[in-house]
């Protein structure tokens, strides 16, 4: 019985924990849509995006090392943006290196709590 091929040259492709690649943000579109409505958020959101694209986070403590005010709220990781004027709601899958942007909200919108239903 022949073995099934595993990857290039018969080698298993590396898992996220093996390759320790940088984070992938999904999606920049949501950030752009927000800063189109709130132009003052563009600079801080772009800065956050640049940092996260270069990050190699393996766990929430790695996030806190860079963003001391980041919070875990259930399955979400919440970032303060522009001096806590805005809140960036994400879901981080450390095992795959993906950061899913769920919402960007004003502080008042965040306080309403409807985003927790996502």
Protein backbone atom coordinates (compact mmCIF):
# COMPACT_ATOMS: atom_id res chain seq x y z
CA UNK A 1 0.00 0.00 0.00
CA UNK A 2 1.48 3.35 -1.09
CA UNK A 3 1.78 6.24 1.33
CA UNK A 4 -0.03 9.46 0.54
CA UNK A 5 2.22 12.43 -0.19
CA UNK A 6 2.54 14.83 2.71
CA UNK A 7 4.01 17.93 1.13
CA UNK A 8 6.85 19.11 -1.05
CA UNK A 9 9.62 16.51 -1.16
CA UNK A 10 7.57 14.25 1.14
CA UNK A 11 7.92 16.61 4.11
CA UNK A 12 4.95 17.67 6.20
CA UNK A 13 4.25 21.39 5.87
CA UNK A 14 5.11 23.29 9.05
CA UNK A 15 2.33 24.01 11.50
CA UNK A 16 1.78 27.52 12.83
CA UNK A 17 3.64 26.73 16.04
CA UNK A 18 6.59 25.35 14.06
CA UNK A 19 7.04 28.19 11.59
CA UNK A 20 6.32 31.03 14.03
CA UNK A 21 5.27 33.30 11.19
CA UNK A 22 3.82 36.73 11.63
CA UNK A 23 0.16 37.41 12.25
CA UNK A 24 -2.30 37.83 9.40
CA UNK A 25 -5.00 40.47 9.89
CA UNK A 26 -8.41 39.69 8.40
CA UNK A 27 -9.57 42.14 7.25
CA UNK A 28 -8.07 45.52 6.56
CA UNK A 29 -11.32 46.39 4.79
CA UNK A 30 -13.19 46.78 8.09
CA UNK A 31 -10.53 49.16 9.35
CA UNK A 32 -10.73 51.21 6.15
CA UNK A 33 -14.52 51.37 6.31
CA UNK A 34 -14.31 52.71 9.85
CA UNK A 35 -11.70 55.36 9.16
CA UNK A 36 -13.67 56.50 6.10
CA UNK A 37 -16.40 57.50 8.59
CA UNK A 38 -13.97 58.61 11.32
CA UNK A 39 -10.85 60.05 9.65
CA UNK A 40 -9.12 60.69 12.98
CA UNK A 41 -8.98 56.92 13.50
CA UNK A 42 -6.95 56.25 10.36
CA UNK A 43 -3.48 56.92 11.80
CA UNK A 44 -3.97 54.89 14.98
CA UNK A 45 -5.62 52.00 13.11
CA UNK A 46 -2.86 51.93 10.50
CA UNK A 47 -0.27 51.92 13.30
CA UNK A 48 -2.05 49.00 15.02
CA UNK A 49 -2.22 47.13 11.69
CA UNK A 50 1.52 47.60 11.03
CA UNK A 51 2.45 46.33 14.49
CA UNK A 52 0.15 43.30 14.34
CA UNK A 53 1.34 42.26 10.86
CA UNK A 54 4.86 41.98 12.27
CA UNK A 55 3.86 40.31 15.55
CA UNK A 56 4.53 36.66 16.32
CA UNK A 57 1.98 36.19 19.08
CA UNK A 58 1.60 32.71 20.51
CA UNK A 59 -0.70 33.57 23.45
CA UNK A 60 -2.58 36.47 25.04
CA UNK A 61 0.37 37.38 27.28
CA UNK A 62 2.32 38.17 24.09
CA UNK A 63 -0.44 40.60 23.10
CA UNK A 64 -0.35 42.24 26.54
CA UNK A 65 3.43 42.64 26.30
CA UNK A 66 2.85 45.02 23.37
CA UNK A 67 -0.62 46.35 24.23
CA UNK A 68 -0.87 46.58 28.02
CA UNK A 69 -4.49 47.77 27.84
CA UNK A 70 -5.73 44.93 25.62
CA UNK A 71 -8.48 42.93 27.28
CA UNK A 72 -9.94 39.49 26.79
CA UNK A 73 -13.73 39.62 26.87
CA UNK A 74 -15.02 36.11 26.29
CA UNK A 75 -13.68 34.96 22.92
CA UNK A 76 -12.75 38.53 21.93
CA UNK A 77 -9.57 40.54 22.33
CA UNK A 78 -10.35 44.24 22.66
CA UNK A 79 -7.82 46.96 21.85
CA UNK A 80 -8.03 50.61 22.85
CA UNK A 81 -7.42 52.81 19.80
CA UNK A 82 -6.61 56.53 19.69
CA UNK A 83 -6.26 56.96 23.43
CA UNK A 84 -9.34 54.85 24.18
CA UNK A 85 -11.55 56.91 21.86
CA UNK A 86 -12.28 53.78 19.86
CA UNK A 87 -12.39 50.07 20.58
CA UNK A 88 -11.16 47.46 18.15
CA UNK A 89 -12.87 44.11 18.65
CA UNK A 90 -10.91 41.11 17.37
CA UNK A 91 -10.81 37.36 17.60
CA UNK A 92 -7.28 36.00 17.65
CA UNK A 93 -6.52 32.44 16.60
CA UNK A 94 -3.02 32.00 17.94
CA UNK A 95 -2.71 28.50 16.47
CA UNK A 96 -3.14 29.79 12.90
CA UNK A 97 -1.69 33.27 13.36
CA UNK A 98 -4.88 35.01 12.32
CA UNK A 99 -6.40 38.13 13.81
CA UNK A 100 -10.02 38.60 12.74
CA UNK A 101 -11.27 42.16 12.93
CA UNK A 102 -14.87 41.88 14.07
CA UNK A 103 -15.73 45.53 14.69
CA UNK A 104 -14.32 48.97 15.29
CA UNK A 105 -16.54 51.00 17.59
CA UNK A 106 -16.71 54.33 19.33
CA UNK A 107 -16.46 54.09 23.09
CA UNK A 108 -20.22 54.74 23.38
CA UNK A 109 -21.03 51.96 20.88
CA UNK A 110 -18.76 49.59 22.76
CA UNK A 111 -20.46 50.39 26.06
CA UNK A 112 -23.83 49.31 24.64
CA UNK A 113 -22.45 45.78 24.50
CA UNK A 114 -24.32 44.58 21.42
CA UNK A 115 -21.01 43.51 19.83
CA UNK A 116 -20.76 40.65 22.34
CA UNK A 117 -23.50 38.82 20.41
CA UNK A 118 -21.21 38.26 17.39
